[in-house]
Structures are given as structure tokens and as C-alpha cells.
């Protein structure tokens, strides 16, 4: 059985399609220029399936294609956003 040299082509294509889907899901955002927490968590899930793995910091999410040119939401007062390493979800915790 012959193997393709493009073994990463399908996952990269899938991530690109997912980026477009996430970019189009900003209807719940108060501003089209601000990423929602739900979008951030969707991106975390998609990025965790990539060869590079899930980002370790919130700042690393700025590299996600669907978020280019968009700002991240401010956490609630007295809280900060962190990535839960067990679930790969973004959560707000006390500062």
C-alpha cells in the first residue's frame, strides 16, 4: 500500500475550514471585532487536534487564523482568563 507524502494536508485543510467556521460564528459577540469566549474555546478544541497541540497560553490563541484583526474580551472584574490544561478550555479564575 502506497502512503501519501501529504499526511498533514488533511489536518491542515480541516483546521483552515474550522477557522472559517469559527470566524463566521461571531453573531453572539457584541462587536464583530471582539472574539467571544465560546469562539476561543472552539479554537482551543481545534488547535488541540493539530500537530502542534493546544496552546499553553491565551496569548498563543492570537495566532489562530479566524482571530486575525480581532480583540479578545476582557475578563470579568477581579478575574483573569487561563487555560485549563485538563480540558483545554478557557476559564475565568480569581486573580
N, C-alpha and C. Protein backbone atom coordinates (compact mmCIF):
# COMPACT_ATOMS: atom_id res chain seq x y z
N UNK A 1 0.84 -1.17 0.00
CA UNK A 1 0.00 0.00 0.00
C UNK A 1 0.88 1.23 0.00
N UNK A 2 0.64 2.15 -0.89
CA UNK A 2 1.44 3.35 -1.03
C UNK A 2 0.88 4.46 -0.13
N UNK A 3 1.78 5.11 0.64
CA UNK A 3 1.37 6.19 1.53
C UNK A 3 1.63 7.53 0.87
N UNK A 4 0.77 8.47 1.13
CA UNK A 4 0.90 9.82 0.57
C UNK A 4 1.95 10.60 1.34
N UNK A 5 2.69 11.44 0.65
CA UNK A 5 3.65 12.32 1.29
C UNK A 5 2.96 13.50 1.95
N UNK A 6 1.68 13.68 1.68
CA UNK A 6 0.93 14.81 2.23
C UNK A 6 0.10 14.40 3.43
N UNK A 7 0.71 13.71 4.37
CA UNK A 7 -0.05 13.21 5.52
C UNK A 7 -0.58 14.33 6.40
N UNK A 8 -0.01 15.54 6.32
CA UNK A 8 -0.50 16.66 7.11
C UNK A 8 -1.49 17.53 6.34
N UNK A 9 -1.68 17.25 5.07
CA UNK A 9 -2.55 18.09 4.25
C UNK A 9 -3.99 18.08 4.76
N UNK A 10 -4.53 16.93 5.07
CA UNK A 10 -5.92 16.85 5.52
C UNK A 10 -6.14 17.57 6.85
N UNK A 11 -5.29 17.35 7.88
CA UNK A 11 -5.50 18.09 9.13
C UNK A 11 -5.35 19.60 8.97
N UNK A 12 -4.41 20.03 8.15
CA UNK A 12 -4.23 21.47 7.95
C UNK A 12 -5.42 22.05 7.20
N UNK A 13 -5.91 21.34 6.21
CA UNK A 13 -7.10 21.79 5.49
C UNK A 13 -8.29 21.85 6.44
N UNK A 14 -8.43 20.85 7.30
CA UNK A 14 -9.54 20.84 8.26
C UNK A 14 -9.45 22.02 9.21
N UNK A 15 -8.25 22.35 9.68
CA UNK A 15 -8.09 23.50 10.57
C UNK A 15 -8.45 24.80 9.85
N UNK A 16 -8.10 24.89 8.58
CA UNK A 16 -8.45 26.08 7.81
C UNK A 16 -9.95 26.24 7.67
N UNK A 17 -10.62 25.16 7.39
CA UNK A 17 -12.09 25.19 7.27
C UNK A 17 -12.70 25.56 8.62
N UNK A 18 -12.19 24.96 9.70
CA UNK A 18 -12.70 25.27 11.03
C UNK A 18 -12.48 26.74 11.38
N UNK A 19 -11.36 27.30 10.98
CA UNK A 19 -11.08 28.72 11.24
C UNK A 19 -12.13 29.58 10.56
N UNK A 20 -12.51 29.21 9.35
CA UNK A 20 -13.55 29.97 8.65
C UNK A 20 -14.89 29.83 9.34
N UNK A 21 -15.18 28.65 9.85
CA UNK A 21 -16.44 28.42 10.56
C UNK A 21 -16.47 29.25 11.83
N UNK A 22 -15.39 29.22 12.61
CA UNK A 22 -15.34 30.00 13.84
C UNK A 22 -15.45 31.48 13.53
N UNK A 23 -14.78 31.93 12.49
CA UNK A 23 -14.84 33.34 12.12
C UNK A 23 -16.26 33.76 11.76
N UNK A 24 -17.04 32.85 11.23
CA UNK A 24 -18.41 33.16 10.86
C UNK A 24 -19.40 33.01 11.99
N UNK A 25 -18.95 32.56 13.16
CA UNK A 25 -19.84 32.31 14.29
C UNK A 25 -19.81 33.45 15.30
N UNK A 26 -19.56 34.65 14.89
CA UNK A 26 -19.42 35.75 15.84
C UNK A 26 -20.73 36.49 16.08
N UNK A 27 -21.85 35.90 15.74
CA UNK A 27 -23.14 36.56 15.90
C UNK A 27 -23.46 36.84 17.36
N UNK A 28 -22.92 36.05 18.30
CA UNK A 28 -23.21 36.26 19.70
C UNK A 28 -22.35 37.36 20.30
N UNK A 29 -21.38 37.84 19.58
CA UNK A 29 -20.48 38.88 20.06
C UNK A 29 -21.16 40.24 19.95
N UNK A 30 -20.90 41.11 20.94
CA UNK A 30 -21.45 42.46 20.88
C UNK A 30 -20.81 43.24 19.74
N UNK A 31 -19.61 42.88 19.39
CA UNK A 31 -18.89 43.55 18.32
C UNK A 31 -18.26 42.50 17.42
N UNK A 32 -18.31 42.73 16.12
CA UNK A 32 -17.70 41.78 15.18
C UNK A 32 -16.19 41.75 15.35
N UNK A 33 -15.63 42.79 15.98
CA UNK A 33 -14.19 42.87 16.15
C UNK A 33 -13.71 42.17 17.42
N UNK A 34 -14.62 41.70 18.26
CA UNK A 34 -14.24 41.04 19.50
C UNK A 34 -14.57 39.55 19.44
N UNK A 35 -13.61 38.75 19.82
CA UNK A 35 -13.78 37.30 19.87
C UNK A 35 -14.61 36.95 21.10
N UNK A 36 -15.51 36.00 20.99
CA UNK A 36 -16.28 35.57 22.16
C UNK A 36 -15.55 34.45 22.89
N UNK A 37 -15.91 34.23 24.13
CA UNK A 37 -15.32 33.13 24.91
C UNK A 37 -15.65 31.79 24.25
N UNK A 38 -16.85 31.66 23.70
CA UNK A 38 -17.23 30.42 23.01
C UNK A 38 -16.32 30.18 21.80
N UNK A 39 -16.02 31.23 21.04
CA UNK A 39 -15.12 31.10 19.89
C UNK A 39 -13.72 30.71 20.35
N UNK A 40 -13.28 31.30 21.45
CA UNK A 40 -11.95 30.97 21.98
C UNK A 40 -11.88 29.49 22.35
N UNK A 41 -12.93 28.98 22.97
CA UNK A 41 -12.95 27.57 23.36
C UNK A 41 -13.05 26.65 22.15
N UNK A 42 -13.79 27.06 21.12
CA UNK A 42 -13.84 26.27 19.89
C UNK A 42 -12.46 26.20 19.25
N UNK A 43 -11.76 27.32 19.23
CA UNK A 43 -10.42 27.35 18.66
C UNK A 43 -9.47 26.47 19.47
N UNK A 44 -9.60 26.49 20.78
CA UNK A 44 -8.75 25.64 21.63
C UNK A 44 -8.97 24.17 21.26
N UNK A 45 -10.22 23.78 21.08
CA UNK A 45 -10.52 22.40 20.72
C UNK A 45 -9.92 22.01 19.38
N UNK A 46 -10.02 22.91 18.41
CA UNK A 46 -9.47 22.63 17.09
C UNK A 46 -7.94 22.59 17.12
N UNK A 47 -7.35 23.54 17.84
CA UNK A 47 -5.89 23.60 17.91
C UNK A 47 -5.32 22.41 18.67
N UNK A 48 -6.07 21.87 19.63
CA UNK A 48 -5.57 20.71 20.38
C UNK A 48 -5.47 19.47 19.50
N UNK A 49 -6.19 19.45 18.38
CA UNK A 49 -6.14 18.32 17.46
C UNK A 49 -5.07 18.51 16.38
N UNK A 50 -4.43 19.66 16.35
CA UNK A 50 -3.40 19.92 15.35
C UNK A 50 -2.08 19.27 15.76
N UNK A 51 -1.18 19.10 14.81
CA UNK A 51 0.13 18.51 15.14
C UNK A 51 0.89 19.29 16.22
N UNK A 52 0.69 20.61 16.26
CA UNK A 52 1.38 21.44 17.25
C UNK A 52 0.77 21.31 18.63
N UNK A 53 -0.45 20.83 18.71
CA UNK A 53 -1.12 20.68 20.00
C UNK A 53 -1.78 21.97 20.46
N UNK A 54 -2.44 21.87 21.60
CA UNK A 54 -3.16 23.01 22.16
C UNK A 54 -2.19 24.08 22.64
N UNK A 55 -2.59 25.34 22.50
CA UNK A 55 -1.74 26.41 23.02
C UNK A 55 -1.63 26.32 24.54
N UNK A 56 -0.54 26.81 25.07
CA UNK A 56 -0.32 26.79 26.52
C UNK A 56 -0.76 28.09 27.19
N UNK A 57 -0.90 29.16 26.38
CA UNK A 57 -1.29 30.46 26.93
C UNK A 57 -2.41 31.06 26.09
N UNK A 58 -3.14 31.98 26.70
CA UNK A 58 -4.20 32.69 25.99
C UNK A 58 -3.60 33.49 24.83
N UNK A 59 -2.43 34.06 25.04
CA UNK A 59 -1.79 34.87 24.02
C UNK A 59 -1.50 34.06 22.76
N UNK A 60 -1.25 32.76 22.91
CA UNK A 60 -0.98 31.91 21.75
C UNK A 60 -2.19 31.79 20.84
N UNK A 61 -3.38 32.04 21.36
CA UNK A 61 -4.59 31.98 20.54
C UNK A 61 -4.64 33.10 19.50
N UNK A 62 -3.85 34.14 19.71
CA UNK A 62 -3.87 35.24 18.74
C UNK A 62 -3.35 34.80 17.39
N UNK A 63 -2.67 33.66 17.34
CA UNK A 63 -2.17 33.12 16.07
C UNK A 63 -3.24 32.36 15.29
N UNK A 64 -4.41 32.13 15.90
CA UNK A 64 -5.47 31.40 15.23
C UNK A 64 -6.00 32.24 14.07
N UNK A 65 -6.07 31.65 12.89
CA UNK A 65 -6.41 32.37 11.67
C UNK A 65 -7.74 33.13 11.76
N UNK A 66 -8.73 32.56 12.40
CA UNK A 66 -10.04 33.20 12.50
C UNK A 66 -10.07 34.43 13.40
N UNK A 67 -9.00 34.64 14.16
CA UNK A 67 -8.97 35.75 15.11
C UNK A 67 -8.11 36.93 14.65
N UNK A 68 -7.52 36.84 13.48
CA UNK A 68 -6.66 37.92 13.00
C UNK A 68 -7.44 39.23 12.92
N UNK A 69 -6.89 40.26 13.53
CA UNK A 69 -7.51 41.57 13.50
C UNK A 69 -8.65 41.76 14.48
N UNK A 70 -8.89 40.78 15.34
CA UNK A 70 -9.98 40.87 16.32
C UNK A 70 -9.39 40.92 17.73
N UNK A 71 -10.07 41.59 18.63
CA UNK A 71 -9.60 41.70 20.01
C UNK A 71 -10.24 40.61 20.87
N UNK A 72 -9.58 40.32 21.97
CA UNK A 72 -10.09 39.34 22.91
C UNK A 72 -10.91 40.05 23.98
N UNK A 73 -11.91 39.38 24.54
CA UNK A 73 -12.74 40.03 25.56
C UNK A 73 -11.96 40.23 26.85
N UNK A 74 -12.36 41.23 27.60
CA UNK A 74 -11.77 41.45 28.92
C UNK A 74 -12.44 40.48 29.90
N UNK A 75 -11.68 39.91 30.82
CA UNK A 75 -12.29 39.03 31.80
C UNK A 75 -13.16 39.83 32.77
N UNK A 76 -14.06 39.18 33.47
CA UNK A 76 -14.87 39.89 34.48
C UNK A 76 -13.96 40.54 35.53
N UNK A 77 -14.47 41.54 36.21
CA UNK A 77 -13.70 42.25 37.23
C UNK A 77 -13.14 41.28 38.27
N UNK A 78 -11.84 41.43 38.57
CA UNK A 78 -11.20 40.60 39.58
C UNK A 78 -10.83 39.21 39.10
N UNK A 79 -11.02 38.94 37.82
CA UNK A 79 -10.73 37.62 37.27
C UNK A 79 -9.70 37.73 36.15
N UNK A 80 -9.17 36.60 35.74
CA UNK A 80 -8.30 36.52 34.58
C UNK A 80 -8.62 35.24 33.83
N UNK A 81 -8.40 35.24 32.53
CA UNK A 81 -8.62 34.05 31.72
C UNK A 81 -7.37 33.18 31.76
N UNK A 82 -7.58 31.88 31.96
CA UNK A 82 -6.49 30.90 31.90
C UNK A 82 -6.99 29.68 31.14
N UNK A 83 -6.05 28.87 30.71
CA UNK A 83 -6.40 27.63 30.02
C UNK A 83 -6.36 26.49 31.02
N UNK A 84 -7.45 25.75 31.12
CA UNK A 84 -7.49 24.56 31.95
C UNK A 84 -6.77 23.47 31.16
N UNK A 85 -5.60 23.02 31.64
CA UNK A 85 -4.82 22.06 30.85
C UNK A 85 -5.49 20.69 30.71
N UNK A 86 -6.38 20.35 31.62
CA UNK A 86 -7.05 19.04 31.56
C UNK A 86 -8.14 19.02 30.50
N UNK A 87 -8.86 20.14 30.35
CA UNK A 87 -10.00 20.17 29.43
C UNK A 87 -9.73 20.98 28.17
N UNK A 88 -8.61 21.73 28.14
CA UNK A 88 -8.28 22.61 27.02
C UNK A 88 -9.37 23.65 26.81
N UNK A 89 -9.97 24.11 27.90
CA UNK A 89 -10.98 25.17 27.85
C UNK A 89 -10.46 26.40 28.55
N UNK A 90 -10.94 27.54 28.12
CA UNK A 90 -10.58 28.80 28.74
C UNK A 90 -11.60 29.09 29.82
N UNK A 91 -11.10 29.36 31.00
CA UNK A 91 -11.96 29.65 32.15
C UNK A 91 -11.50 30.93 32.84
N UNK A 92 -12.41 31.58 33.54
CA UNK A 92 -12.07 32.77 34.32
C UNK A 92 -11.82 32.34 35.76
N UNK A 93 -10.69 32.74 36.30
CA UNK A 93 -10.34 32.42 37.69
C UNK A 93 -10.01 33.70 38.42
N UNK A 94 -10.05 33.66 39.76
CA UNK A 94 -9.68 34.81 40.56
C UNK A 94 -8.22 35.17 40.32
N UNK A 95 -7.96 36.46 40.32
CA UNK A 95 -6.57 36.91 40.12
C UNK A 95 -5.74 36.71 41.37
